[in-house]
Protein backbone atom coordinates (compact mmCIF):
# COMPACT_ATOMS: atom_id res chain seq x y z
CA MET A 1 -31.24 -11.45 2.37
CA ARG A 2 -34.09 -9.22 3.49
CA LEU A 3 -33.20 -5.89 4.99
CA THR A 4 -36.01 -6.34 7.50
CA GLN A 5 -33.95 -9.24 8.86
CA LEU A 6 -30.65 -7.36 8.71
CA PRO A 7 -30.12 -4.62 11.32
CA LEU A 8 -28.32 -2.33 8.88
CA THR A 9 -27.60 1.11 10.29
CA THR A 10 -26.35 3.74 7.85
CA PHE A 11 -25.37 7.36 8.43
CA LYS A 12 -25.74 10.50 6.32
CA GLU A 13 -23.12 12.43 8.25
CA VAL A 14 -19.39 11.92 7.74
CA PRO A 15 -17.79 10.61 10.97
CA ALA A 16 -15.58 13.27 12.49
CA ASP A 17 -12.59 10.97 13.07
CA ALA A 18 -12.59 9.44 9.56
CA GLU A 19 -9.90 11.13 7.45
CA ILE A 20 -10.20 9.38 4.09
CA VAL A 21 -13.10 8.33 1.89
CA SER A 22 -12.85 4.58 2.46
CA HIS A 23 -12.94 4.96 6.24
CA GLN A 24 -15.89 7.34 6.01
CA LEU A 25 -17.90 5.14 3.67
CA MET A 26 -17.20 1.88 5.48
CA LEU A 27 -18.55 3.45 8.67
CA ARG A 28 -21.48 5.18 6.96
CA ALA A 29 -22.50 2.02 5.06
CA GLY A 30 -22.34 -0.14 8.17
CA LEU A 31 -19.50 -2.36 6.97
CA ILE A 32 -17.38 -1.89 10.09
CA ARG A 33 -17.72 -0.48 13.58
CA ARG A 34 -14.90 0.90 15.71
CA LEU A 35 -14.20 -0.92 18.97
CA ALA A 36 -11.04 0.92 20.02
CA SER A 37 -8.14 2.71 18.35
CA GLY A 38 -7.18 0.65 15.30
CA LEU A 39 -9.64 -2.13 16.19
CA PHE A 40 -12.80 -2.78 14.16
CA THR A 41 -15.71 -5.21 14.21
CA TRP A 42 -16.67 -6.52 10.79
CA MET A 43 -20.43 -6.20 10.41
CA PRO A 44 -22.49 -8.52 8.17
CA LEU A 45 -22.14 -6.56 4.90
CA GLY A 46 -18.45 -5.87 5.42
CA LEU A 47 -17.75 -9.48 6.35
CA ARG A 48 -19.44 -10.68 3.14
CA VAL A 49 -17.02 -8.55 1.11
CA LEU A 50 -14.05 -9.71 3.17
CA ARG A 51 -14.97 -13.37 2.64
CA LYS A 52 -15.30 -12.87 -1.13
CA VAL A 53 -11.83 -11.38 -1.26
CA GLU A 54 -10.48 -14.24 0.84
CA GLN A 55 -12.09 -16.79 -1.47
CA ILE A 56 -10.53 -15.39 -4.62
CA ILE A 57 -7.14 -15.28 -2.89
CA ARG A 58 -7.57 -18.84 -1.65
CA GLU A 59 -8.52 -20.13 -5.11
CA GLU A 60 -5.50 -18.55 -6.79
CA MET A 61 -3.08 -19.63 -4.06
CA ASN A 62 -4.35 -23.21 -4.31
CA ARG A 63 -4.07 -23.03 -8.10
CA ALA A 64 -0.44 -21.92 -7.73
CA GLY A 65 0.33 -25.00 -5.63
CA ALA A 66 0.46 -23.38 -2.18
CA LEU A 67 -0.73 -25.40 0.83
CA GLU A 68 -3.09 -23.78 3.32
CA ILE A 69 -2.30 -24.05 7.01
CA LEU A 70 -3.38 -22.05 10.05
CA MET A 71 -0.76 -20.87 12.53
CA PRO A 72 -1.36 -19.54 16.06
CA VAL A 73 -1.72 -15.79 16.41
CA VAL A 74 0.11 -15.95 19.76
CA GLN A 75 3.79 -16.77 19.25
CA PRO A 76 6.46 -17.71 21.82
CA ALA A 77 9.27 -15.21 22.35
CA GLU A 78 11.90 -17.96 22.04
CA LEU A 79 11.42 -18.16 18.29
CA TRP A 80 11.77 -14.40 17.85
CA LYS A 81 14.92 -14.44 20.00
CA GLU A 82 16.46 -17.05 17.70
CA THR A 83 16.29 -14.62 14.79
CA GLY A 84 17.14 -11.58 16.92
CA ARG A 85 13.88 -9.84 16.09
CA TRP A 86 12.54 -9.89 19.64
CA ASP A 87 14.85 -6.99 20.47
CA ILE A 88 14.97 -5.20 17.10
CA TYR A 89 11.35 -5.34 15.91
CA GLY A 90 10.47 -2.43 18.15
CA ASP A 91 7.24 -1.14 19.59
CA LEU A 92 5.15 -2.56 16.74
CA LEU A 93 5.45 -5.93 18.50
CA LEU A 94 2.68 -6.45 21.06
CA ARG A 95 4.37 -8.40 23.84
CA ILE A 96 2.37 -10.41 26.35
CA ARG A 97 3.13 -12.72 29.25
CA ASP A 98 1.23 -15.80 30.42
CA ARG A 99 0.51 -16.94 33.98
CA HIS A 100 3.82 -18.78 34.09
CA ASP A 101 5.69 -15.56 33.33
CA ARG A 102 6.66 -16.73 29.82
CA ASP A 103 6.97 -14.15 27.05
CA TYR A 104 4.82 -14.22 23.92
CA CYS A 105 3.80 -11.83 21.20
CA PHE A 106 0.69 -11.37 19.09
CA ALA A 107 1.73 -12.19 15.54
CA PRO A 108 2.60 -9.21 13.33
CA THR A 109 3.97 -11.70 10.80
CA ALA A 110 4.93 -15.38 10.88
CA GLU A 111 8.44 -15.97 9.50
CA GLU A 112 9.67 -17.48 12.76
CA VAL A 113 6.69 -19.76 13.29
CA VAL A 114 6.63 -21.11 9.74
CA THR A 115 10.39 -21.70 9.85
CA GLU A 116 9.88 -23.66 13.06
CA ILE A 117 7.27 -25.76 11.23
CA ALA A 118 9.63 -26.31 8.29
CA ARG A 119 12.60 -27.42 10.39
CA ARG A 120 10.39 -29.97 12.16
CA GLU A 121 8.49 -31.26 9.13
CA LEU A 122 10.99 -31.10 6.27
CA ARG A 123 13.93 -33.53 6.34
CA SER A 124 14.86 -34.21 2.73
CA TYR A 125 15.33 -32.31 -0.53
CA LYS A 126 12.64 -34.63 -1.93
CA GLN A 127 10.05 -32.70 0.11
CA LEU A 128 11.01 -29.42 -1.57
CA PRO A 129 9.87 -27.03 -2.79
CA VAL A 130 6.93 -26.41 -0.51
CA ASN A 131 4.82 -23.27 -0.09
CA TYR A 132 2.68 -22.83 3.04
CA TYR A 133 0.07 -20.08 3.31
CA GLN A 134 -2.57 -18.89 5.72
CA ILE A 135 -5.29 -16.25 5.90
CA ASN A 136 -5.22 -15.07 9.47
CA THR A 137 -5.42 -12.14 11.87
CA LYS A 138 -2.29 -10.07 12.56
CA PHE A 139 -1.57 -7.32 15.07
CA ARG A 140 0.93 -4.47 14.86
CA ASP A 141 0.92 -1.86 17.59
CA GLU A 142 0.85 1.17 15.30
CA ILE A 143 1.82 4.37 17.06
CA ARG A 144 -0.95 6.19 15.22
CA PRO A 145 -3.63 3.96 13.71
CA ARG A 146 -5.39 5.88 10.95
CA PHE A 147 -7.43 5.57 7.81
CA GLY A 148 -9.72 2.84 9.14
CA VAL A 149 -8.79 -0.62 7.85
CA MET A 150 -5.96 0.87 5.77
CA ARG A 151 -3.68 1.24 8.81
CA ALA A 152 -5.38 -0.64 11.62
CA ARG A 153 -3.63 -2.33 14.52
CA GLU A 154 -5.47 -5.60 13.96
CA PHE A 155 -5.96 -6.74 10.37
CA VAL A 156 -6.47 -9.78 8.15
CA MET A 157 -3.51 -10.88 6.08
CA LYS A 158 -2.66 -13.64 3.66
CA ASP A 159 0.93 -14.63 4.27
CA ALA A 160 2.75 -17.40 2.42
CA TYR A 161 6.25 -18.82 2.86
CA SER A 162 8.13 -21.08 0.48
CA PHE A 163 11.14 -23.32 1.19
CA HIS A 164 13.72 -24.39 -1.39
CA LEU A 165 17.00 -26.18 -1.83
CA ASP A 166 18.47 -23.65 -4.26
CA GLN A 167 18.00 -20.23 -5.86
CA ALA A 168 16.60 -21.60 -9.10
CA SER A 169 13.73 -23.24 -7.26
CA LEU A 170 13.06 -20.02 -5.32
CA ASP A 171 13.07 -18.01 -8.56
CA SER A 172 10.48 -20.33 -10.07
CA THR A 173 8.08 -20.12 -7.11
CA TYR A 174 8.60 -16.36 -6.81
CA GLU A 175 7.52 -15.86 -10.42
CA ARG A 176 4.56 -18.19 -9.90
CA MET A 177 3.48 -16.09 -6.90
CA ALA A 178 3.84 -12.90 -8.94
CA GLU A 179 1.55 -14.41 -11.57
CA ALA A 180 -0.94 -15.52 -8.90
CA TYR A 181 -1.02 -12.03 -7.40
CA THR A 182 -1.61 -10.51 -10.82
CA GLN A 183 -4.52 -12.89 -11.31
CA ILE A 184 -5.95 -12.14 -7.84
CA PHE A 185 -6.05 -8.38 -8.30
CA THR A 186 -7.32 -8.73 -11.86
CA ARG A 187 -10.16 -10.97 -10.70
CA LEU A 188 -11.02 -8.50 -7.94
CA GLY A 189 -11.60 -5.86 -10.61
CA LEU A 190 -8.89 -3.47 -9.35
CA ARG A 191 -6.57 -1.16 -11.32
CA PHE A 192 -3.10 -1.94 -10.04
CA ARG A 193 0.60 -2.02 -10.85
CA LYS A 194 3.41 -4.36 -9.88
CA VAL A 195 6.59 -2.44 -8.98
CA ASP A 196 10.10 -3.17 -7.75
CA ALA A 197 10.40 -2.40 -4.06
CA HIS A 198 12.58 -2.35 -0.96
CA GLY A 199 12.39 -5.33 1.40
CA GLY A 200 11.98 -3.17 4.51
CA GLU A 201 11.91 -4.90 7.91
CA ILE A 202 11.23 -8.30 6.35
CA GLY A 203 14.50 -8.18 4.41
CA GLY A 204 15.64 -10.26 1.47
CA SER A 205 17.46 -9.76 -1.83
CA LYS A 206 14.52 -9.05 -4.14
CA SER A 207 11.00 -7.81 -3.65
CA GLN A 208 8.05 -6.40 -5.56
CA GLU A 209 4.92 -4.58 -4.42
CA PHE A 210 1.41 -4.58 -5.84
CA HIS A 211 -0.27 -1.18 -5.65
CA VAL A 212 -3.91 -0.27 -6.17
CA LEU A 213 -3.85 3.08 -7.96
CA ALA A 214 -5.62 5.79 -5.97
CA ASP A 215 -5.01 9.48 -5.35
CA SER A 216 -5.14 8.89 -1.60
CA GLY A 217 -2.31 6.35 -1.66
CA GLU A 218 0.55 6.89 0.77
CA ASP A 219 3.14 5.53 -1.67
CA GLN A 220 4.37 6.98 -4.94
CA ILE A 221 5.19 4.67 -7.81
CA ALA A 222 7.14 5.40 -10.97
CA TRP A 223 6.75 3.64 -14.30
CA CYS A 224 7.36 4.10 -17.99
CA GLU A 225 4.84 3.29 -20.70
CA GLY A 226 7.64 2.73 -23.21
CA ASP A 227 9.38 -0.08 -21.35
CA SER A 228 8.82 -2.53 -18.50
CA PHE A 229 10.25 -0.35 -15.75
CA ALA A 230 8.04 0.08 -12.66
CA ALA A 231 9.23 0.73 -9.12
CA ASN A 232 8.33 2.34 -5.85
CA VAL A 233 9.71 5.89 -5.91
CA GLU A 234 11.88 5.04 -2.90
CA LEU A 235 13.70 2.44 -5.05
CA ALA A 236 13.59 4.01 -8.52
CA PRO A 237 17.04 5.19 -9.68
CA ALA A 238 17.38 8.80 -10.81
CA LEU A 239 19.73 8.78 -13.79
CA PRO A 240 22.55 11.36 -13.92
CA PRO A 241 21.76 14.35 -16.17
CA SER A 242 23.03 13.98 -19.71
CA ALA A 243 23.98 17.67 -19.89
CA THR A 244 27.42 18.79 -18.74
CA ARG A 245 27.88 21.45 -16.09
CA PRO A 246 27.87 25.03 -17.46
CA ALA A 247 30.88 27.19 -16.95
CA ALA A 248 30.98 29.71 -14.13
CA SER A 249 29.61 33.01 -15.40
CA ALA A 250 29.23 35.20 -12.32
CA THR A 251 31.22 36.33 -9.29
CA LEU A 252 30.71 34.72 -5.89
CA ASN A 253 28.76 37.07 -3.63
CA ARG A 254 27.69 37.04 0.02
CA VAL A 255 24.09 38.21 0.57
CA PRO A 256 22.32 38.97 3.88
CA THR A 257 19.10 36.93 4.14
CA PRO A 258 17.56 37.83 7.52
CA GLY A 259 14.93 35.35 8.67
CA VAL A 260 15.21 33.37 5.42
CA HIS A 261 15.86 29.67 5.95
CA SER A 262 13.78 27.34 3.74
CA ILE A 263 14.48 26.82 0.05
CA ASP A 264 11.12 28.36 -0.86
CA ASP A 265 11.89 31.40 1.28
CA VAL A 266 15.36 31.79 -0.23
CA ALA A 267 14.00 31.49 -3.77
CA ALA A 268 11.28 34.06 -3.06
CA PHE A 269 13.72 36.45 -1.36
CA LEU A 270 16.23 36.35 -4.23
CA LYS A 271 13.53 36.09 -6.93
CA ILE A 272 14.93 32.90 -8.42
CA GLY A 273 13.66 29.35 -8.96
CA ALA A 274 14.16 26.64 -6.35
CA GLN A 275 16.13 24.68 -8.95
CA GLN A 276 18.83 27.41 -8.76
CA CYS A 277 19.29 26.78 -5.05
CA LEU A 278 21.39 24.07 -3.41
CA LYS A 279 20.10 22.63 -0.16
CA THR A 280 22.52 21.13 2.33
CA LEU A 281 21.23 18.50 4.74
CA ILE A 282 23.33 17.40 7.72
CA VAL A 283 22.98 13.77 8.84
CA ASP A 284 24.59 11.60 11.49
CA GLY A 285 27.57 9.51 10.45
CA SER A 286 28.01 5.88 11.45
CA GLU A 287 31.22 6.70 13.36
CA GLY A 288 29.73 9.57 15.33
CA GLY A 289 30.62 12.45 12.97
CA LEU A 290 28.47 14.57 10.68
CA ILE A 291 28.00 14.27 6.91
CA ALA A 292 26.57 16.79 4.44
CA LEU A 293 24.16 15.79 1.65
CA CYS A 294 23.63 18.33 -1.14
CA LEU A 295 20.61 18.32 -3.45
CA ARG A 296 19.05 20.70 -5.93
CA GLY A 297 16.55 22.87 -4.12
CA ASP A 298 13.51 21.43 -5.89
CA HIS A 299 14.49 17.80 -5.31
CA GLU A 300 13.60 15.53 -2.39
CA LEU A 301 16.10 13.38 -0.50
CA ASN A 302 15.61 9.62 -0.77
CA PRO A 303 16.55 8.19 2.66
CA LEU A 304 17.10 4.64 1.40
CA LYS A 305 19.59 5.81 -1.19
CA ALA A 306 21.38 8.00 1.35
CA GLU A 307 21.71 5.10 3.80
CA ARG A 308 23.73 3.14 1.25
CA LEU A 309 26.53 5.72 1.22
CA PRO A 310 29.69 4.91 3.18
CA GLY A 311 29.90 6.38 6.64
CA ILE A 312 26.21 7.27 7.04
CA ALA A 313 24.29 5.94 10.03
CA ARG A 314 21.45 3.51 9.45
CA PRO A 315 18.63 4.27 9.73
CA LEU A 316 19.20 7.75 8.32
CA ARG A 317 18.99 10.43 11.00
CA MET A 318 19.04 14.17 10.55
CA ALA A 319 21.57 15.73 12.88
CA ALA A 320 20.14 17.55 15.89
CA PRO A 321 19.92 21.32 15.21
CA GLU A 322 21.79 22.19 18.42
CA ARG A 323 24.63 19.89 17.43
CA VAL A 324 24.77 21.38 13.94
CA LEU A 325 25.04 24.88 15.40
CA ALA A 326 27.69 23.86 17.93
CA GLU A 327 29.95 21.98 15.49
CA LEU A 328 29.43 23.88 12.23
CA GLY A 329 28.89 27.37 13.60
CA ALA A 330 25.64 28.07 11.77
CA PRO A 331 22.00 27.02 12.17
CA VAL A 332 20.11 24.68 9.88
CA GLY A 333 18.84 26.79 6.97
CA SER A 334 22.05 28.79 6.61
CA LEU A 335 24.37 25.93 5.69
CA GLY A 336 26.22 25.24 2.46
CA PRO A 337 29.15 23.16 1.21
CA VAL A 338 31.61 26.06 0.77
CA GLY A 339 34.33 25.70 3.41
CA LEU A 340 32.47 22.92 5.18
CA SER A 341 34.84 20.78 7.25
CA ILE A 342 32.84 17.51 7.05
CA PRO A 343 32.41 14.96 4.21
CA VAL A 344 30.15 16.20 1.41
CA PHE A 345 28.07 14.02 -0.93
CA ALA A 346 26.09 15.58 -3.77
CA ASP A 347 23.26 14.24 -5.84
CA HIS A 348 24.05 13.86 -9.55
CA SER A 349 21.77 16.79 -10.41
CA ALA A 350 23.40 18.97 -7.75
CA ALA A 351 26.87 18.08 -9.03
CA VAL A 352 26.15 19.63 -12.47
CA MET A 353 24.78 22.90 -11.07
CA ALA A 354 26.57 26.15 -11.79
CA ASN A 355 26.16 29.66 -10.42
CA PHE A 356 23.92 28.32 -7.66
CA VAL A 357 22.77 29.74 -4.33
CA CYS A 358 23.55 28.07 -1.00
CA GLY A 359 23.96 28.86 2.69
CA ALA A 360 27.10 30.72 3.71
CA ASN A 361 27.59 28.83 7.00
CA THR A 362 26.81 32.08 8.78
CA ALA A 363 23.43 32.81 10.31
CA ASP A 364 21.03 34.68 7.99
CA THR A 365 23.50 34.74 5.11
CA HIS A 366 23.62 33.04 1.69
CA LEU A 367 26.11 32.85 -1.17
CA THR A 368 25.18 33.48 -4.79
CA ALA A 369 26.94 32.43 -8.00
CA VAL A 370 28.64 29.47 -6.31
CA ASN A 371 30.50 27.05 -8.59
CA TRP A 372 32.09 23.66 -8.03
CA GLN A 373 35.85 23.49 -8.60
CA ARG A 374 36.17 27.29 -8.55
CA ASP A 375 34.73 27.95 -5.08
CA LEU A 376 34.83 24.51 -3.51
CA PRO A 377 36.12 21.02 -4.31
CA GLU A 378 34.41 18.76 -6.81
CA PRO A 379 31.84 16.70 -4.82
CA ALA A 380 31.45 12.96 -4.65
CA ALA A 381 28.34 12.47 -6.82
CA HIS A 382 25.69 9.84 -6.08
CA ASP A 383 22.00 9.15 -6.68
CA LEU A 384 20.39 10.72 -3.61
CA ARG A 385 16.97 11.93 -4.71
CA ASN A 386 13.49 10.70 -5.47
CA VAL A 387 12.65 10.47 -9.15
CA GLU A 388 10.10 12.88 -10.58
CA ALA A 389 7.61 12.75 -13.44
CA GLY A 390 9.46 13.44 -16.68
CA ASP A 391 12.77 11.93 -15.55
CA SER A 392 14.31 9.46 -17.98
CA SER A 393 13.35 5.83 -17.41
CA PRO A 394 16.19 3.47 -16.41
CA GLY A 395 14.67 1.10 -18.98
CA GLY A 396 15.39 3.50 -21.81
CA GLY A 397 11.77 3.70 -22.98
CA GLY A 398 11.18 7.39 -22.40
CA ALA A 399 9.95 9.56 -19.55
CA LEU A 400 8.70 8.34 -16.18
CA SER A 401 5.16 8.82 -14.93
CA ILE A 402 4.36 9.11 -11.22
CA ALA A 403 1.15 8.01 -9.53
CA ARG A 404 0.01 7.37 -5.98
CA GLY A 405 -0.71 3.84 -4.92
CA ILE A 406 -1.93 1.80 -1.98
CA GLU A 407 0.24 -1.22 -1.27
CA VAL A 408 -1.94 -4.34 -1.05
CA GLY A 409 0.60 -7.05 -1.81
CA HIS A 410 4.32 -7.64 -1.37
CA ILE A 411 6.50 -10.58 -2.39
CA PHE A 412 10.07 -11.20 -1.22
CA GLN A 413 13.03 -13.44 -1.84
CA LEU A 414 14.26 -13.90 1.72
CA GLY A 415 17.22 -16.15 1.04
CA ASP A 416 18.44 -17.80 4.26
CA LYS A 417 17.87 -14.85 6.61
CA TYR A 418 15.53 -16.83 8.85
CA SER A 419 16.41 -20.42 7.99
CA GLN A 420 20.09 -19.86 8.81
CA SER A 421 19.48 -18.29 12.21
CA MET A 422 16.99 -21.03 13.08
CA GLN A 423 18.98 -23.84 11.42
CA ALA A 424 16.17 -24.99 9.18
CA ALA A 425 17.98 -27.55 7.00
CA VAL A 426 17.34 -30.67 4.91
CA LEU A 427 19.56 -33.40 3.50
CA ASP A 428 20.49 -32.85 -0.15
CA GLN A 429 21.11 -35.43 -2.91
CA ASP A 430 24.51 -36.22 -1.42
CA GLY A 431 23.21 -36.69 2.10
CA LYS A 432 24.71 -33.37 3.25
CA GLU A 433 22.78 -30.96 5.40
CA ARG A 434 21.73 -27.79 3.51
CA VAL A 435 20.05 -24.73 4.97
CA MET A 436 16.88 -23.99 3.02
CA THR A 437 16.32 -20.77 1.16
CA MET A 438 12.97 -18.99 1.59
CA GLY A 439 10.43 -16.79 -0.13
CA CYS A 440 7.70 -14.71 1.52
CA TYR A 441 4.45 -13.47 -0.05
CA GLY A 442 1.93 -11.20 1.69
CA ILE A 443 -1.46 -9.69 0.84
CA GLY A 444 -3.29 -7.22 3.07
CA VAL A 445 -6.73 -8.81 2.82
CA SER A 446 -8.68 -6.30 4.90
CA ARG A 447 -6.69 -3.41 3.37
CA ILE A 448 -7.92 -4.46 -0.07
CA LEU A 449 -11.45 -3.37 0.88
CA GLY A 450 -10.28 0.13 1.79
CA ALA A 451 -8.15 0.36 -1.35
CA ALA A 452 -11.03 -0.78 -3.55
CA ILE A 453 -13.30 1.92 -2.11
CA GLU A 454 -10.61 4.61 -2.52
CA GLN A 455 -10.49 3.65 -6.19
CA ASN A 456 -14.24 3.10 -6.69
CA HIS A 457 -16.64 5.64 -5.18
CA ASP A 458 -18.60 8.77 -5.94
CA ALA A 459 -20.36 11.47 -3.94
CA ASN A 460 -23.19 9.06 -3.10
CA GLY A 461 -21.19 6.12 -1.80
CA ILE A 462 -19.28 2.97 -2.65
CA ILE A 463 -19.14 1.50 -6.16
CA TRP A 464 -18.05 -2.08 -5.62
CA PRO A 465 -16.25 -3.98 -8.38
CA GLU A 466 -18.65 -6.83 -9.13
CA PRO A 467 -16.43 -9.67 -7.80
CA MET A 468 -16.17 -7.94 -4.40
CA SER A 469 -19.72 -6.70 -3.94
CA PRO A 470 -21.56 -8.09 -0.89
CA PHE A 471 -24.54 -8.84 -3.16
CA ASP A 472 -25.14 -9.04 -6.90
CA VAL A 473 -28.46 -7.20 -6.91
CA MET A 474 -30.24 -4.65 -4.74
CA LEU A 475 -33.98 -5.29 -5.03
CA ILE A 476 -36.12 -2.39 -3.80
CA GLU A 477 -39.81 -2.60 -3.05
CA LEU A 478 -41.49 0.81 -3.03
CA ASN A 479 -44.27 1.59 -0.51
CA PRO A 480 -44.90 -2.04 0.50
CA LYS A 481 -47.84 -1.19 2.78
CA LYS A 482 -49.78 0.61 0.03
CA SER A 483 -50.03 -2.14 -2.55
CA GLU A 484 -50.37 -5.87 -2.11
CA SER A 485 -49.63 -6.35 -5.81
CA VAL A 486 -46.26 -4.60 -5.44
CA THR A 487 -45.38 -6.74 -2.42
CA ALA A 488 -46.38 -9.91 -4.24
CA ALA A 489 -44.43 -8.99 -7.36
CA ALA A 490 -41.32 -8.02 -5.39
CA LEU A 491 -41.43 -11.18 -3.29
CA GLN A 492 -41.82 -13.39 -6.36
CA LEU A 493 -38.95 -11.61 -8.06
CA TYR A 494 -36.80 -12.09 -4.95
CA LYS A 495 -37.48 -15.84 -5.04
CA ASP A 496 -36.83 -16.06 -8.79
CA LEU A 497 -33.52 -14.21 -8.56
CA GLU A 498 -32.24 -16.34 -5.71
CA ALA A 499 -33.34 -19.50 -7.49
CA ALA A 500 -31.37 -18.33 -10.52
CA GLY A 501 -28.22 -18.03 -8.41
CA PHE A 502 -28.15 -14.29 -7.75
CA GLU A 503 -27.14 -12.96 -4.35
CA VAL A 504 -29.95 -10.51 -3.57
CA LEU A 505 -30.24 -7.81 -0.94
CA PHE A 506 -34.00 -7.25 -0.74
CA ASP A 507 -34.99 -3.86 0.68
CA ASP A 508 -38.46 -4.71 2.00
CA ARG A 509 -38.35 -2.07 4.74
CA ASP A 510 -41.24 0.30 5.35
CA ALA A 511 -39.15 3.35 4.49
CA ARG A 512 -39.40 6.28 2.11
CA PRO A 513 -38.17 5.68 -1.46
CA GLY A 514 -35.51 8.37 -1.04
CA VAL A 515 -34.07 6.58 1.99
CA LYS A 516 -33.94 3.28 0.11
CA PHE A 517 -32.28 4.82 -2.95
CA ALA A 518 -29.71 6.63 -0.81
CA ASP A 519 -28.84 3.44 1.09
CA ALA A 520 -28.56 1.51 -2.18
CA ASP A 521 -26.06 4.03 -3.54
CA LEU A 522 -24.16 4.12 -0.25
CA VAL A 523 -23.79 0.33 0.00
CA GLY A 524 -22.71 0.19 -3.64
CA VAL A 525 -24.28 -3.03 -4.99
CA PRO A 526 -23.66 -3.02 -8.79
CA HIS A 527 -27.23 -3.69 -10.00
CA ARG A 528 -30.48 -2.21 -8.69
CA ILE A 529 -34.00 -3.38 -9.49
CA VAL A 530 -36.97 -1.28 -8.33
CA VAL A 531 -40.52 -2.61 -8.12
CA GLY A 532 -43.21 0.06 -7.74
CA GLU A 533 -46.96 0.38 -8.19
CA ARG A 534 -46.85 2.07 -11.59
CA GLY A 535 -44.33 -0.43 -12.93
CA VAL A 536 -46.31 -3.42 -11.69
CA LYS A 537 -49.42 -2.13 -13.49
CA ASP A 538 -47.37 -1.98 -16.69
CA GLY A 539 -45.59 -5.27 -15.99
CA LYS A 540 -42.25 -3.45 -15.71
CA ALA A 541 -39.34 -3.13 -13.28
CA GLU A 542 -36.82 -0.31 -13.23
CA TYR A 543 -33.10 -1.07 -13.51
CA ARG A 544 -30.11 1.11 -12.62
CA HIS A 545 -26.44 0.32 -12.94
CA ARG A 546 -24.49 1.69 -9.96
CA GLN A 547 -21.26 2.49 -11.76
CA THR A 548 -22.55 4.09 -14.96
CA GLY A 549 -25.88 5.40 -13.68
CA ALA A 550 -27.58 3.91 -16.74
CA GLU A 551 -31.33 3.37 -16.23
CA GLU A 552 -33.62 1.03 -18.15
CA GLN A 553 -36.96 -0.71 -17.88
CA THR A 554 -37.46 -4.42 -18.29
CA ALA A 555 -40.46 -6.72 -18.17
CA LEU A 556 -41.01 -8.27 -14.73
CA GLU A 557 -41.01 -11.74 -16.20
CA ASN A 558 -37.69 -11.02 -17.94
CA VAL A 559 -35.68 -9.58 -15.02
CA VAL A 560 -33.60 -12.73 -14.50
CA GLU A 561 -32.43 -12.91 -18.11
CA PHE A 562 -32.01 -9.13 -18.21
CA LEU A 563 -29.64 -9.20 -15.23
CA ARG A 564 -27.76 -12.16 -16.66
CA SER A 565 -27.08 -10.18 -19.80
CA ARG A 566 -25.91 -7.17 -17.78
CA GLN A 567 -23.57 -9.30 -15.68
CA ALA A 568 -22.27 -11.10 -18.77
CA SER A 569 -21.38 -7.76 -20.34
CA ALA A 570 -19.39 -7.00 -17.18
CA GLY A 571 -17.61 -10.35 -17.42
CA ARG A 572 -19.44 -12.01 -14.54
CA SER A 573 -22.55 -14.16 -14.24
CA PRO A 574 -24.14 -16.18 -11.44
């Protein structure tokens, strides 16, 4: 493709409303254009990348035995009411009404629709297992769309749904999908990890996420190099400390702490570490009361773990400060478990603390040298916190590492959550009706582009992994109006490269060399060939590799073979 035939508009300046690198670079490189909040038009270069990602996904899904279908993006409310999700899905669901006053929604996902297909099409166990997938547009009415395509309202998703007669069949397909996902992200040239995860709104008994590793990731993942353990931090268990609780060694003391409320402020005021402080969080109970959660001051509460405790409201809600003050007699920030008249749960690490500092349940006052058993009852100990780097792995292989990741894939074992409510059943070997069990497998197709850029960029622009790049080669003609020989050589090379199977972006614009080089780096095509007057005289072309910055010269007549060798060394050839 010639750039003189492609209206590519690039920008030097960073867009003011773009918070992260991928959003900035996709706008600057002309891959996308904003239409409205969370809505983007895919421009020619961006669409080429998107289609390449889709193709790799499609190839691996087909190889895994999944069957491609295409479901409507507008879904009738009746199906969502069958599963109960019409009322519980919340404001993320974009609800619409047709001219006949019938309710519909714009698909945020497709469990209901695919289950409707299955209950109509599948009658016998002989038709199972079956795995339907689609690559289609979705819409979720995000309260705050941000980060470009990473959290857009409209996005492209690959969603697949499998139907089975029994758990063994589901297990087999689930593992096959996990293998397919591993192959997809490997082929895309991304650094990623598969981790155990929570099912979230989709539900199900088992799920795993696939995360592209990037410092800008919203999720934290924990893993151990010494064993196979890997999980989202929200799901990773924090093992109880192996050490026993020290004996009390100091006398309980009440200390005025005027204007001191946060753990950091308390630690600074008393000149101690946050790990010597106990923080007490008050949450709503499921029966209307209040419950106290105690953690070591330097640890972070894990809401999913807390929700599993008896008597705690789901979803987890921090108690309103005015209610806390009215019922417990002290404001948030001055609370502690000593003399507290509500149920108290403590994290394992908090339960082995001794001589700790906590709120005194009196405004602007804290207690020092507090000890369990001596000063207050032994707490009910549970795993309540997020794991941290250096914690022991549940797999027994050593210490955990923590990294940030961008979720790009998620697979679930749904069981009969949707098939039961919608009565999607088949006849088994004995002629008895059996509700099917289901699996669900999603990939954020458009999100992959943002994740890839977050992982692969420098100060000059995007560095596309070769399988995702919009073109194989950027061919640059320098000063085309000054030399007919340069134009002729560049044009011939363009024809030769395309004939050899390379996808070429030919910069034949009448623009300054610096502009062309800057755009080449910004767009991020892996290989760059430059044809200039001096090189043509010497029968040479200049080569530069986008990722490494390596520069070489090669004979004009040998450019095709030269590029083949460079692609082969990268594991890819046309």
